[in-house]
Amino acid sequence: MKKLMCVINQPPYANSHVLELLETAMVAAVFDMQVSLLFRDEGLWSLLKPQNADPLGQRTLSKVLLAMPDYDVNSIYVCADTLRDKQLKTDELVLPVTLLNKPAQADLMSEQDVVMGAGT
């Protein structure tokens, strides 16, 4: 089984990048890829609850994220340094996550067949 990781490191509603990565993850999961998501830097804001993107005319990312388990996307990771730097706690996030330090992130990325979004 091929492994895909989507690295979400941009703010949630600045453009369509985050939503496109999440949609890519769902499509890949439908085609039996093992999908994981890594949130770091400004991408961490995508996981916060509550959210309402209706005034922006966009889809609310927290609703999309809540559908991830339905697609068997259960490997959700967060950069521990980012969480600490932004003074957030895991109970403020819409999904359960696994915290990773930077070396663990690099190790996990090296195990993937495809990593998307890491350079953006």
PDB file of N, CA and C in Angstrom:
ATOM      1  N   MET A   1       0.842  -1.170   0.000  1.00  0.00           N
ATOM      2  CA  MET A   1       0.000   0.000   0.000  1.00  0.00           C
ATOM      3  C   MET A   1       0.897   1.245   0.000  1.00  0.00           C
ATOM      4  N   LYS A   2       0.631   2.148  -0.903  1.00  0.00           N
ATOM      5  CA  LYS A   2       1.390   3.398  -1.005  1.00  0.00           C
ATOM      6  C   LYS A   2       1.031   4.324   0.150  1.00  0.00           C
ATOM      7  N   LYS A   3       2.018   5.095   0.583  1.00  0.00           N
ATOM      8  CA  LYS A   3       1.828   6.027   1.689  1.00  0.00           C
ATOM      9  C   LYS A   3       1.918   7.464   1.197  1.00  0.00           C
ATOM     10  N   LEU A   4       0.937   8.258   1.572  1.00  0.00           N
ATOM     11  CA  LEU A   4       0.883   9.679   1.217  1.00  0.00           C
ATOM     12  C   LEU A   4       0.779  10.503   2.486  1.00  0.00           C
ATOM     13  N   MET A   5       1.615  11.532   2.577  1.00  0.00           N
ATOM     14  CA  MET A   5       1.496  12.490   3.676  1.00  0.00           C
ATOM     15  C   MET A   5       1.232  13.864   3.088  1.00  0.00           C
ATOM     16  N   CYS A   6       0.239  14.541   3.632  1.00  0.00           N
ATOM     17  CA  CYS A   6      -0.042  15.926   3.279  1.00  0.00           C
ATOM     18  C   CYS A   6       0.409  16.796   4.443  1.00  0.00           C
ATOM     19  N   VAL A   7       1.310  17.716   4.156  1.00  0.00           N
ATOM     20  CA  VAL A   7       1.834  18.623   5.169  1.00  0.00           C
ATOM     21  C   VAL A   7       1.104  19.954   5.006  1.00  0.00           C
ATOM     22  N   ILE A   8       0.384  20.320   6.039  1.00  0.00           N
ATOM     23  CA  ILE A   8      -0.416  21.546   6.002  1.00  0.00           C
ATOM     24  C   ILE A   8       0.291  22.570   6.870  1.00  0.00           C
ATOM     25  N   ASN A   9       0.854  23.577   6.190  1.00  0.00           N
ATOM     26  CA  ASN A   9       1.637  24.566   6.914  1.00  0.00           C
ATOM     27  C   ASN A   9       1.265  26.005   6.549  1.00  0.00           C
ATOM     28  N   GLN A  10       0.170  26.170   5.819  1.00  0.00           N
ATOM     29  CA  GLN A  10      -0.308  27.506   5.469  1.00  0.00           C
ATOM     30  C   GLN A  10      -1.567  27.820   6.265  1.00  0.00           C
ATOM     31  N   PRO A  11      -1.885  29.113   6.442  1.00  0.00           N
ATOM     32  CA  PRO A  11      -3.093  29.461   7.188  1.00  0.00           C
ATOM     33  C   PRO A  11      -4.342  28.921   6.488  1.00  0.00           C
ATOM     34  N   PRO A  12      -5.361  28.612   7.252  1.00  0.00           N
ATOM     35  CA  PRO A  12      -6.509  27.884   6.714  1.00  0.00           C
ATOM     36  C   PRO A  12      -7.317  28.594   5.636  1.00  0.00           C
ATOM     37  N   TYR A  13      -7.505  29.877   5.705  1.00  0.00           N
ATOM     38  CA  TYR A  13      -8.424  30.527   4.773  1.00  0.00           C
ATOM     39  C   TYR A  13      -7.752  31.584   3.911  1.00  0.00           C
ATOM     40  N   ALA A  14      -6.429  31.588   3.843  1.00  0.00           N
ATOM     41  CA  ALA A  14      -5.710  32.579   3.045  1.00  0.00           C
ATOM     42  C   ALA A  14      -5.877  32.310   1.543  1.00  0.00           C
ATOM     43  N   ASN A  15      -6.005  31.036   1.194  1.00  0.00           N
ATOM     44  CA  ASN A  15      -6.193  30.627  -0.201  1.00  0.00           C
ATOM     45  C   ASN A  15      -6.821  29.237  -0.171  1.00  0.00           C
ATOM     46  N   SER A  16      -6.835  28.565  -1.297  1.00  0.00           N
ATOM     47  CA  SER A  16      -7.473  27.240  -1.355  1.00  0.00           C
ATOM     48  C   SER A  16      -6.499  26.095  -1.081  1.00  0.00           C
ATOM     49  N   HIS A  17      -5.260  26.400  -0.755  1.00  0.00           N
ATOM     50  CA  HIS A  17      -4.216  25.379  -0.614  1.00  0.00           C
ATOM     51  C   HIS A  17      -4.574  24.298   0.420  1.00  0.00           C
ATOM     52  N   VAL A  18      -5.021  24.698   1.586  1.00  0.00           N
ATOM     53  CA  VAL A  18      -5.313  23.723   2.645  1.00  0.00           C
ATOM     54  C   VAL A  18      -6.468  22.821   2.229  1.00  0.00           C
ATOM     55  N   LEU A  19      -7.536  23.414   1.720  1.00  0.00           N
ATOM     56  CA  LEU A  19      -8.681  22.611   1.288  1.00  0.00           C
ATOM     57  C   LEU A  19      -8.279  21.648   0.175  1.00  0.00           C
ATOM     58  N   GLU A  20      -7.450  22.089  -0.750  1.00  0.00           N
ATOM     59  CA  GLU A  20      -7.004  21.213  -1.833  1.00  0.00           C
ATOM     60  C   GLU A  20      -6.193  20.031  -1.299  1.00  0.00           C
ATOM     61  N   LEU A  21      -5.351  20.268  -0.302  1.00  0.00           N
ATOM     62  CA  LEU A  21      -4.595  19.159   0.290  1.00  0.00           C
ATOM     63  C   LEU A  21      -5.517  18.181   1.013  1.00  0.00           C
ATOM     64  N   LEU A  22      -6.508  18.708   1.725  1.00  0.00           N
ATOM     65  CA  LEU A  22      -7.451  17.826   2.415  1.00  0.00           C
ATOM     66  C   LEU A  22      -8.273  17.002   1.428  1.00  0.00           C
ATOM     67  N   GLU A  23      -8.689  17.625   0.339  1.00  0.00           N
ATOM     68  CA  GLU A  23      -9.434  16.886  -0.686  1.00  0.00           C
ATOM     69  C   GLU A  23      -8.548  15.832  -1.345  1.00  0.00           C
ATOM     70  N   THR A  24      -7.290  16.162  -1.568  1.00  0.00           N
ATOM     71  CA  THR A  24      -6.341  15.189  -2.120  1.00  0.00           C
ATOM     72  C   THR A  24      -6.209  13.995  -1.178  1.00  0.00           C
ATOM     73  N   ALA A  25      -6.123  14.271   0.105  1.00  0.00           N
ATOM     74  CA  ALA A  25      -6.014  13.201   1.099  1.00  0.00           C
ATOM     75  C   ALA A  25      -7.227  12.277   1.042  1.00  0.00           C
ATOM     76  N   MET A  26      -8.419  12.850   0.945  1.00  0.00           N
ATOM     77  CA  MET A  26      -9.632  12.029   0.910  1.00  0.00           C
ATOM     78  C   MET A  26      -9.680  11.179  -0.356  1.00  0.00           C
ATOM     79  N   VAL A  27      -9.333  11.763  -1.494  1.00  0.00           N
ATOM     80  CA  VAL A  27      -9.343  11.007  -2.749  1.00  0.00           C
ATOM     81  C   VAL A  27      -8.313   9.883  -2.694  1.00  0.00           C
ATOM     82  N   ALA A  28      -7.130  10.174  -2.205  1.00  0.00           N
ATOM     83  CA  ALA A  28      -6.095   9.142  -2.097  1.00  0.00           C
ATOM     84  C   ALA A  28      -6.553   7.997  -1.195  1.00  0.00           C
ATOM     85  N   ALA A  29      -7.221   8.334  -0.109  1.00  0.00           N
ATOM     86  CA  ALA A  29      -7.706   7.298   0.807  1.00  0.00           C
ATOM     87  C   ALA A  29      -8.756   6.414   0.136  1.00  0.00           C
ATOM     88  N   VAL A  30      -9.588   7.013  -0.689  1.00  0.00           N
ATOM     89  CA  VAL A  30     -10.597   6.235  -1.420  1.00  0.00           C
ATOM     90  C   VAL A  30      -9.923   5.212  -2.331  1.00  0.00           C
ATOM     91  N   PHE A  31      -8.749   5.580  -2.851  1.00  0.00           N
ATOM     92  CA  PHE A  31      -8.011   4.671  -3.724  1.00  0.00           C
ATOM     93  C   PHE A  31      -6.985   3.842  -2.955  1.00  0.00           C
ATOM     94  N   ASP A  32      -7.289   3.592  -1.693  1.00  0.00           N
ATOM     95  CA  ASP A  32      -6.535   2.668  -0.844  1.00  0.00           C
ATOM     96  C   ASP A  32      -5.089   3.063  -0.566  1.00  0.00           C
ATOM     97  N   MET A  33      -4.810   4.347  -0.558  1.00  0.00           N
ATOM     98  CA  MET A  33      -3.500   4.790  -0.096  1.00  0.00           C
ATOM     99  C   MET A  33      -3.572   4.968   1.415  1.00  0.00           C
ATOM    100  N   GLN A  34      -2.469   4.759   2.079  1.00  0.00           N
ATOM    101  CA  GLN A  34      -2.375   5.021   3.510  1.00  0.00           C
ATOM    102  C   GLN A  34      -2.032   6.504   3.656  1.00  0.00           C
ATOM    103  N   VAL A  35      -2.971   7.278   4.177  1.00  0.00           N
ATOM    104  CA  VAL A  35      -2.851   8.734   4.196  1.00  0.00           C
ATOM    105  C   VAL A  35      -2.631   9.236   5.614  1.00  0.00           C
ATOM    106  N   SER A  36      -1.726  10.192   5.734  1.00  0.00           N
ATOM    107  CA  SER A  36      -1.525  10.881   7.014  1.00  0.00           C
ATOM    108  C   SER A  36      -1.464  12.376   6.748  1.00  0.00           C
ATOM    109  N   LEU A  37      -1.804  13.142   7.779  1.00  0.00           N
ATOM    110  CA  LEU A  37      -1.778  14.598   7.715  1.00  0.00           C
ATOM    111  C   LEU A  37      -0.841  15.111   8.793  1.00  0.00           C
ATOM    112  N   LEU A  38      -0.034  16.095   8.433  1.00  0.00           N
ATOM    113  CA  LEU A  38       0.849  16.751   9.396  1.00  0.00           C
ATOM    114  C   LEU A  38       0.553  18.242   9.365  1.00  0.00           C
ATOM    115  N   PHE A  39       0.171  18.781  10.516  1.00  0.00           N
ATOM    116  CA  PHE A  39      -0.116  20.211  10.650  1.00  0.00           C
ATOM    117  C   PHE A  39       1.030  20.863  11.407  1.00  0.00           C
ATOM    118  N   ARG A  40       1.558  21.925  10.818  1.00  0.00           N
ATOM    119  CA  ARG A  40       2.622  22.666  11.477  1.00  0.00           C
ATOM    120  C   ARG A  40       2.581  24.118  11.007  1.00  0.00           C
ATOM    121  N   ASP A  41       3.338  24.944  11.684  1.00  0.00           N
ATOM    122  CA  ASP A  41       3.396  26.374  11.384  1.00  0.00           C
ATOM    123  C   ASP A  41       1.971  26.950  11.362  1.00  0.00           C
ATOM    124  N   GLU A  42       1.670  27.770  10.390  1.00  0.00           N
ATOM    125  CA  GLU A  42       0.349  28.412  10.340  1.00  0.00           C
ATOM    126  C   GLU A  42      -0.779  27.432  10.016  1.00  0.00           C
ATOM    127  N   GLY A  43      -0.427  26.267   9.519  1.00  0.00           N
ATOM    128  CA  GLY A  43      -1.429  25.250   9.213  1.00  0.00           C
ATOM    129  C   GLY A  43      -2.145  24.721  10.437  1.00  0.00           C
ATOM    130  N   LEU A  44      -1.532  24.884  11.596  1.00  0.00           N
ATOM    131  CA  LEU A  44      -2.153  24.404  12.829  1.00  0.00           C
ATOM    132  C   LEU A  44      -3.508  25.058  13.072  1.00  0.00           C
ATOM    133  N   TRP A  45      -3.665  26.311  12.629  1.00  0.00           N
ATOM    134  CA  TRP A  45      -4.936  27.014  12.839  1.00  0.00           C
ATOM    135  C   TRP A  45      -6.103  26.291  12.169  1.00  0.00           C
ATOM    136  N   SER A  46      -5.837  25.464  11.178  1.00  0.00           N
ATOM    137  CA  SER A  46      -6.893  24.708  10.495  1.00  0.00           C
ATOM    138  C   SER A  46      -7.588  23.732  11.429  1.00  0.00           C
ATOM    139  N   LEU A  47      -6.904  23.307  12.482  1.00  0.00           N
ATOM    140  CA  LEU A  47      -7.450  22.309  13.400  1.00  0.00           C
ATOM    141  C   LEU A  47      -8.257  22.895  14.557  1.00  0.00           C
ATOM    142  N   LEU A  48      -8.236  24.205  14.704  1.00  0.00           N
ATOM    143  CA  LEU A  48      -8.919  24.810  15.850  1.00  0.00           C
ATOM    144  C   LEU A  48     -10.429  24.677  15.760  1.00  0.00           C
ATOM    145  N   LYS A  49     -11.050  24.528  16.909  1.00  0.00           N
ATOM    146  CA  LYS A  49     -12.503  24.577  16.982  1.00  0.00           C
ATOM    147  C   LYS A  49     -12.887  25.799  17.788  1.00  0.00           C
ATOM    148  N   PRO A  50     -13.994  26.406  17.634  1.00  0.00           N
ATOM    149  CA  PRO A  50     -14.919  26.279  16.503  1.00  0.00           C
ATOM    150  C   PRO A  50     -14.475  27.159  15.342  1.00  0.00           C
ATOM    151  N   GLN A  51     -14.978  26.854  14.174  1.00  0.00           N
ATOM    152  CA  GLN A  51     -14.696  27.636  12.970  1.00  0.00           C
ATOM    153  C   GLN A  51     -15.998  27.888  12.224  1.00  0.00           C
ATOM    154  N   ASN A  52     -16.032  28.983  11.495  1.00  0.00           N
ATOM    155  CA  ASN A  52     -17.161  29.277  10.620  1.00  0.00           C
ATOM    156  C   ASN A  52     -16.637  30.092   9.448  1.00  0.00           C
ATOM    157  N   ALA A  53     -16.502  29.459   8.297  1.00  0.00           N
ATOM    158  CA  ALA A  53     -15.985  30.138   7.107  1.00  0.00           C
ATOM    159  C   ALA A  53     -17.093  30.687   6.222  1.00  0.00           C
ATOM    160  N   ASP A  54     -18.351  30.561   6.650  1.00  0.00           N
ATOM    161  CA  ASP A  54     -19.465  31.052   5.838  1.00  0.00           C
ATOM    162  C   ASP A  54     -19.314  32.528   5.465  1.00  0.00           C
ATOM    163  N   PRO A  55     -18.922  33.407   6.398  1.00  0.00           N
ATOM    164  CA  PRO A  55     -18.770  34.816   6.003  1.00  0.00           C
ATOM    165  C   PRO A  55     -17.712  35.033   4.910  1.00  0.00           C
ATOM    166  N   LEU A  56     -16.789  34.106   4.781  1.00  0.00           N
ATOM    167  CA  LEU A  56     -15.754  34.205   3.751  1.00  0.00           C
ATOM    168  C   LEU A  56     -16.193  33.571   2.432  1.00  0.00           C
ATOM    169  N   GLY A  57     -17.351  32.895   2.461  1.00  0.00           N
ATOM    170  CA  GLY A  57     -17.825  32.203   1.273  1.00  0.00           C
ATOM    171  C   GLY A  57     -17.017  30.952   0.974  1.00  0.00           C
ATOM    172  N   GLN A  58     -16.427  30.341   2.012  1.00  0.00           N
ATOM    173  CA  GLN A  58     -15.603  29.152   1.847  1.00  0.00           C
ATOM    174  C   GLN A  58     -16.158  28.008   2.691  1.00  0.00           C
ATOM    175  N   ARG A  59     -15.682  26.811   2.396  1.00  0.00           N
ATOM    176  CA  ARG A  59     -16.042  25.652   3.215  1.00  0.00           C
ATOM    177  C   ARG A  59     -15.303  25.742   4.542  1.00  0.00           C
ATOM    178  N   THR A  60     -15.988  25.400   5.601  1.00  0.00           N
ATOM    179  CA  THR A  60     -15.384  25.403   6.924  1.00  0.00           C
ATOM    180  C   THR A  60     -14.490  24.173   7.062  1.00  0.00           C
ATOM    181  N   LEU A  61     -13.199  24.409   7.258  1.00  0.00           N
ATOM    182  CA  LEU A  61     -12.231  23.313   7.270  1.00  0.00           C
ATOM    183  C   LEU A  61     -12.455  22.328   8.401  1.00  0.00           C
ATOM    184  N   SER A  62     -12.923  22.790   9.542  1.00  0.00           N
ATOM    185  CA  SER A  62     -13.148  21.855  10.643  1.00  0.00           C
ATOM    186  C   SER A  62     -14.190  20.804  10.264  1.00  0.00           C
ATOM    187  N   LYS A  63     -15.165  21.181   9.442  1.00  0.00           N
ATOM    188  CA  LYS A  63     -16.167  20.204   8.989  1.00  0.00           C
ATOM    189  C   LYS A  63     -15.531  19.185   8.054  1.00  0.00           C
ATOM    190  N   VAL A  64     -14.647  19.647   7.188  1.00  0.00           N
ATOM    191  CA  VAL A  64     -13.940  18.736   6.290  1.00  0.00           C
ATOM    192  C   VAL A  64     -13.053  17.793   7.112  1.00  0.00           C
ATOM    193  N   LEU A  65     -12.364  18.341   8.087  1.00  0.00           N
ATOM    194  CA  LEU A  65     -11.484  17.528   8.924  1.00  0.00           C
ATOM    195  C   LEU A  65     -12.245  16.473   9.711  1.00  0.00           C
ATOM    196  N   LEU A  66     -13.428  16.816  10.173  1.00  0.00           N
ATOM    197  CA  LEU A  66     -14.229  15.847  10.926  1.00  0.00           C
ATOM    198  C   LEU A  66     -14.634  14.645  10.072  1.00  0.00           C
ATOM    199  N   ALA A  67     -14.596  14.796   8.753  1.00  0.00           N
ATOM    200  CA  ALA A  67     -14.930  13.690   7.855  1.00  0.00           C
ATOM    201  C   ALA A  67     -13.746  12.758   7.615  1.00  0.00           C
ATOM    202  N   MET A  68     -12.549  13.153   8.004  1.00  0.00           N
ATOM    203  CA  MET A  68     -11.359  12.341   7.729  1.00  0.00           C
ATOM    204  C   MET A  68     -11.470  10.905   8.237  1.00  0.00           C
ATOM    205  N   PRO A  69     -11.948  10.661   9.456  1.00  0.00           N
ATOM    206  CA  PRO A  69     -12.074   9.262   9.898  1.00  0.00           C
ATOM    207  C   PRO A  69     -13.004   8.433   9.006  1.00  0.00           C
ATOM    208  N   ASP A  70     -14.000   9.062   8.386  1.00  0.00           N
ATOM    209  CA  ASP A  70     -14.887   8.347   7.465  1.00  0.00           C
ATOM    210  C   ASP A  70     -14.129   7.836   6.240  1.00  0.00           C
ATOM    211  N   TYR A  71     -13.018   8.471   5.926  1.00  0.00           N
ATOM    212  CA  TYR A  71     -12.175   8.082   4.798  1.00  0.00           C
ATOM    213  C   TYR A  71     -10.971   7.248   5.253  1.00  0.00           C
ATOM    214  N   ASP A  72     -10.992   6.816   6.493  1.00  0.00           N
ATOM    215  CA  ASP A  72      -9.887   6.055   7.092  1.00  0.00           C
ATOM    216  C   ASP A  72      -8.587   6.853   7.132  1.00  0.00           C
ATOM    217  N   VAL A  73      -8.712   8.159   7.259  1.00  0.00           N
ATOM    218  CA  VAL A  73      -7.551   9.015   7.483  1.00  0.00           C
ATOM    219  C   VAL A  73      -7.535   9.296   8.980  1.00  0.00           C
ATOM    220  N   ASN A  74      -6.789   8.488   9.694  1.00  0.00           N
ATOM    221  CA  ASN A  74      -6.756   8.568  11.149  1.00  0.00           C
ATOM    222  C   ASN A  74      -5.394   8.964  11.702  1.00  0.00           C
ATOM    223  N   SER A  75      -4.413   9.069  10.827  1.00  0.00           N
ATOM    224  CA  SER A  75      -3.062   9.446  11.256  1.00  0.00           C
ATOM    225  C   SER A  75      -2.917  10.957  11.101  1.00  0.00           C
ATOM    226  N   ILE A  76      -3.249  11.669  12.167  1.00  0.00           N
ATOM    227  CA  ILE A  76      -3.219  13.133  12.175  1.00  0.00           C
ATOM    228  C   ILE A  76      -2.112  13.552  13.142  1.00  0.00           C
ATOM    229  N   TYR A  77      -1.125  14.257  12.611  1.00  0.00           N
ATOM    230  CA  TYR A  77       0.030  14.662  13.403  1.00  0.00           C
ATOM    231  C   TYR A  77       0.105  16.183  13.504  1.00  0.00           C
ATOM    232  N   VAL A  78       0.659  16.639  14.610  1.00  0.00           N
ATOM    233  CA  VAL A  78       0.871  18.066  14.842  1.00  0.00           C
ATOM    234  C   VAL A  78       2.304  18.265  15.321  1.00  0.00           C
ATOM    235  N   CYS A  79       2.915  19.294  14.812  1.00  0.00           N
ATOM    236  CA  CYS A  79       4.255  19.668  15.267  1.00  0.00           C
ATOM    237  C   CYS A  79       4.160  20.148  16.715  1.00  0.00           C
ATOM    238  N   ALA A  80       4.838  19.456  17.601  1.00  0.00           N
ATOM    239  CA  ALA A  80       4.795  19.798  19.032  1.00  0.00           C
ATOM    240  C   ALA A  80       5.326  21.200  19.281  1.00  0.00           C
ATOM    241  N   ASP A  81       6.358  21.596  18.537  1.00  0.00           N
ATOM    242  CA  ASP A  81       6.932  22.936  18.708  1.00  0.00           C
ATOM    243  C   ASP A  81       5.927  24.015  18.323  1.00  0.00           C
ATOM    244  N   THR A  82       5.209  23.789  17.223  1.00  0.00           N
ATOM    245  CA  THR A  82       4.202  24.759  16.788  1.00  0.00           C
ATOM    246  C   THR A  82       3.094  24.886  17.823  1.00  0.00           C
ATOM    247  N   LEU A  83       2.626  23.761  18.343  1.00  0.00           N
ATOM    248  CA  LEU A  83       1.567  23.786  19.351  1.00  0.00           C
ATOM    249  C   LEU A  83       2.010  24.596  20.568  1.00  0.00           C
ATOM    250  N   ARG A  84       3.232  24.356  21.011  1.00  0.00           N
ATOM    251  CA  ARG A  84       3.776  25.075  22.156  1.00  0.00           C
ATOM    252  C   ARG A  84       3.948  26.568  21.829  1.00  0.00           C
ATOM    253  N   ASP A  85       4.529  26.871  20.669  1.00  0.00           N
ATOM    254  CA  ASP A  85       4.794  28.266  20.296  1.00  0.00           C
ATOM    255  C   ASP A  85       3.510  29.082  20.172  1.00  0.00           C
ATOM    256  N   LYS A  86       2.442  28.442  19.738  1.00  0.00           N
ATOM    257  CA  LYS A  86       1.164  29.136  19.576  1.00  0.00           C
ATOM    258  C   LYS A  86       0.313  29.073  20.848  1.00  0.00           C
ATOM    259  N   GLN A  87       0.888  28.490  21.900  1.00  0.00           N
ATOM    260  CA  GLN A  87       0.253  28.387  23.208  1.00  0.00           C
ATOM    261  C   GLN A  87      -1.133  27.737  23.123  1.00  0.00           C
ATOM    262  N   LEU A  88      -1.188  26.633  22.385  1.00  0.00           N
ATOM    263  CA  LEU A  88      -2.426  25.884  22.236  1.00  0.00           C
ATOM    264  C   LEU A  88      -2.305  24.543  22.944  1.00  0.00           C
ATOM    265  N   LYS A  89      -3.457  23.932  23.175  1.00  0.00           N
ATOM    266  CA  LYS A  89      -3.511  22.603  23.783  1.00  0.00           C
ATOM    267  C   LYS A  89      -4.280  21.685  22.844  1.00  0.00           C
ATOM    268  N   THR A  90      -4.015  20.403  22.941  1.00  0.00           N
ATOM    269  CA  THR A  90      -4.654  19.455  22.035  1.00  0.00           C
ATOM    270  C   THR A  90      -6.173  19.421  22.194  1.00  0.00           C
ATOM    271  N   ASP A  91      -6.695  19.755  23.371  1.00  0.00           N
ATOM    272  CA  ASP A  91      -8.157  19.741  23.538  1.00  0.00           C
ATOM    273  C   ASP A  91      -8.835  20.915  22.837  1.00  0.00           C
ATOM    274  N   GLU A  92      -8.061  21.840  22.281  1.00  0.00           N
ATOM    275  CA  GLU A  92      -8.617  22.941  21.498  1.00  0.00           C
ATOM    276  C   GLU A  92      -8.728  22.582  20.015  1.00  0.00           C
ATOM    277  N   LEU A  93      -8.311  21.371  19.671  1.00  0.00           N
ATOM    278  CA  LEU A  93      -8.293  20.941  18.279  1.00  0.00           C
ATOM    279  C   LEU A  93      -9.497  20.064  17.971  1.00  0.00           C
ATOM    280  N   VAL A  94      -9.929  20.093  16.736  1.00  0.00           N
ATOM    281  CA  VAL A  94     -11.151  19.421  16.325  1.00  0.00           C
ATOM    282  C   VAL A  94     -11.006  17.898  16.247  1.00  0.00           C
ATOM    283  N   LEU A  95      -9.780  17.403  16.111  1.00  0.00           N
ATOM    284  CA  LEU A  95      -9.529  15.962  16.015  1.00  0.00           C
ATOM    285  C   LEU A  95      -8.448  15.545  17.007  1.00  0.00           C
ATOM    286  N   PRO A  96      -8.456  14.295  17.418  1.00  0.00           N
ATOM    287  CA  PRO A  96      -7.329  13.804  18.211  1.00  0.00           C
ATOM    288  C   PRO A  96      -6.077  13.764  17.332  1.00  0.00           C
ATOM    289  N   VAL A  97      -4.957  14.138  17.907  1.00  0.00           N
ATOM    290  CA  VAL A  97      -3.709  14.220  17.143  1.00  0.00           C
ATOM    291  C   VAL A  97      -2.586  13.537  17.903  1.00  0.00           C
ATOM    292  N   THR A  98      -1.530  13.247  17.170  1.00  0.00           N
ATOM    293  CA  THR A  98      -0.287  12.756  17.744  1.00  0.00           C
ATOM    294  C   THR A  98       0.745  13.861  17.588  1.00  0.00           C
ATOM    295  N   LEU A  99       1.387  14.220  18.681  1.00  0.00           N
ATOM    296  CA  LEU A  99       2.408  15.264  18.639  1.00  0.00           C
ATOM    297  C   LEU A  99       3.748  14.674  18.206  1.00  0.00           C
ATOM    298  N   LEU A 100       4.437  15.407  17.332  1.00  0.00           N
ATOM    299  CA  LEU A 100       5.752  14.970  16.861  1.00  0.00           C
ATOM    300  C   LEU A 100       6.748  16.113  16.972  1.00  0.00           C
ATOM    301  N   ASN A 101       7.948  15.792  17.433  1.00  0.00           N
ATOM    302  CA  ASN A 101       9.004  16.790  17.383  1.00  0.00           C
ATOM    303  C   ASN A 101       9.575  16.789  15.956  1.00  0.00           C
ATOM    304  N   LYS A 102      10.472  17.730  15.673  1.00  0.00           N
ATOM    305  CA  LYS A 102      10.974  17.872  14.292  1.00  0.00           C
ATOM    306  C   LYS A 102      11.733  16.645  13.796  1.00  0.00           C
ATOM    307  N   PRO A 103      12.592  16.026  14.610  1.00  0.00           N
ATOM    308  CA  PRO A 103      13.251  14.802  14.109  1.00  0.00           C
ATOM    309  C   PRO A 103      12.251  13.683  13.790  1.00  0.00           C
ATOM    310  N   ALA A 104      11.215  13.539  14.597  1.00  0.00           N
ATOM    311  CA  ALA A 104      10.204  12.507  14.342  1.00  0.00           C
ATOM    312  C   ALA A 104       9.418  12.821  13.071  1.00  0.00           C
ATOM    313  N   GLN A 105       9.190  14.105  12.803  1.00  0.00           N
ATOM    314  CA  GLN A 105       8.515  14.493  11.565  1.00  0.00           C
ATOM    315  C   GLN A 105       9.363  14.092  10.353  1.00  0.00           C
ATOM    316  N   ALA A 106      10.644  14.385  10.433  1.00  0.00           N
ATOM    317  CA  ALA A 106      11.551  14.033   9.333  1.00  0.00           C
ATOM    318  C   ALA A 106      11.584  12.522   9.120  1.00  0.00           C
ATOM    319  N   ASP A 107      11.625  11.761  10.209  1.00  0.00           N
ATOM    320  CA  ASP A 107      11.617  10.297  10.103  1.00  0.00           C
ATOM    321  C   ASP A 107      10.338   9.812   9.434  1.00  0.00           C
ATOM    322  N   LEU A 108       9.196  10.361   9.864  1.00  0.00           N
ATOM    323  CA  LEU A 108       7.916   9.949   9.298  1.00  0.00           C
ATOM    324  C   LEU A 108       7.830  10.307   7.818  1.00  0.00           C
ATOM    325  N   MET A 109       8.300  11.489   7.459  1.00  0.00           N
ATOM    326  CA  MET A 109       8.285  11.891   6.041  1.00  0.00           C
ATOM    327  C   MET A 109       9.144  10.964   5.199  1.00  0.00           C
ATOM    328  N   SER A 110      10.260  10.520   5.750  1.00  0.00           N
ATOM    329  CA  SER A 110      11.159   9.642   4.984  1.00  0.00           C
ATOM    330  C   SER A 110      10.532   8.273   4.720  1.00  0.00           C
ATOM    331  N   GLU A 111       9.522   7.908   5.494  1.00  0.00           N
ATOM    332  CA  GLU A 111       8.840   6.627   5.312  1.00  0.00           C
ATOM    333  C   GLU A 111       7.729   6.679   4.265  1.00  0.00           C
ATOM    334  N   GLN A 112       7.410   7.876   3.773  1.00  0.00           N
ATOM    335  CA  GLN A 112       6.299   8.050   2.846  1.00  0.00           C
ATOM    336  C   GLN A 112       6.745   7.826   1.401  1.00  0.00           C
ATOM    337  N   ASP A 113       5.810   7.389   0.576  1.00  0.00           N
ATOM    338  CA  ASP A 113       6.066   7.308  -0.853  1.00  0.00           C
ATOM    339  C   ASP A 113       5.918   8.682  -1.500  1.00  0.00           C
ATOM    340  N   VAL A 114       4.967   9.461  -0.981  1.00  0.00           N
ATOM    341  CA  VAL A 114       4.703  10.800  -1.518  1.00  0.00           C
ATOM    342  C   VAL A 114       4.451  11.738  -0.349  1.00  0.00           C
ATOM    343  N   VAL A 115       5.095  12.916  -0.386  1.00  0.00           N
ATOM    344  CA  VAL A 115       4.836  13.973   0.587  1.00  0.00           C
ATOM    345  C   VAL A 115       4.421  15.200  -0.206  1.00  0.00           C
ATOM    346  N   MET A 116       3.239  15.720   0.104  1.00  0.00           N
ATOM    347  CA  MET A 116       2.716  16.896  -0.599  1.00  0.00           C
ATOM    348  C   MET A 116       2.617  18.069   0.359  1.00  0.00           C
ATOM    349  N   GLY A 117       2.915  19.249  -0.146  1.00  0.00           N
ATOM    350  CA  GLY A 117       2.723  20.466   0.637  1.00  0.00           C
ATOM    351  C   GLY A 117       3.882  20.851   1.516  1.00  0.00           C
ATOM    352  N   ALA A 118       4.911  20.044   1.630  1.00  0.00           N
ATOM    353  CA  ALA A 118       5.989  20.311   2.565  1.00  0.00           C
ATOM    354  C   ALA A 118       6.818  21.526   2.180  1.00  0.00           C
ATOM    355  N   GLY A 119       6.919  21.825   0.905  1.00  0.00           N
ATOM    356  CA  GLY A 119       7.759  22.920   0.468  1.00  0.00           C
ATOM    357  C   GLY A 119       7.024  24.230   0.277  1.00  0.00           C
ATOM    358  N   THR A 120       5.741  24.257   0.623  1.00  0.00           N
ATOM    359  CA  THR A 120       4.971  25.482   0.361  1.00  0.00           C
ATOM    360  C   THR A 120       4.817  26.307   1.598  1.00  0.00           C
TER     361      THR A 120
END
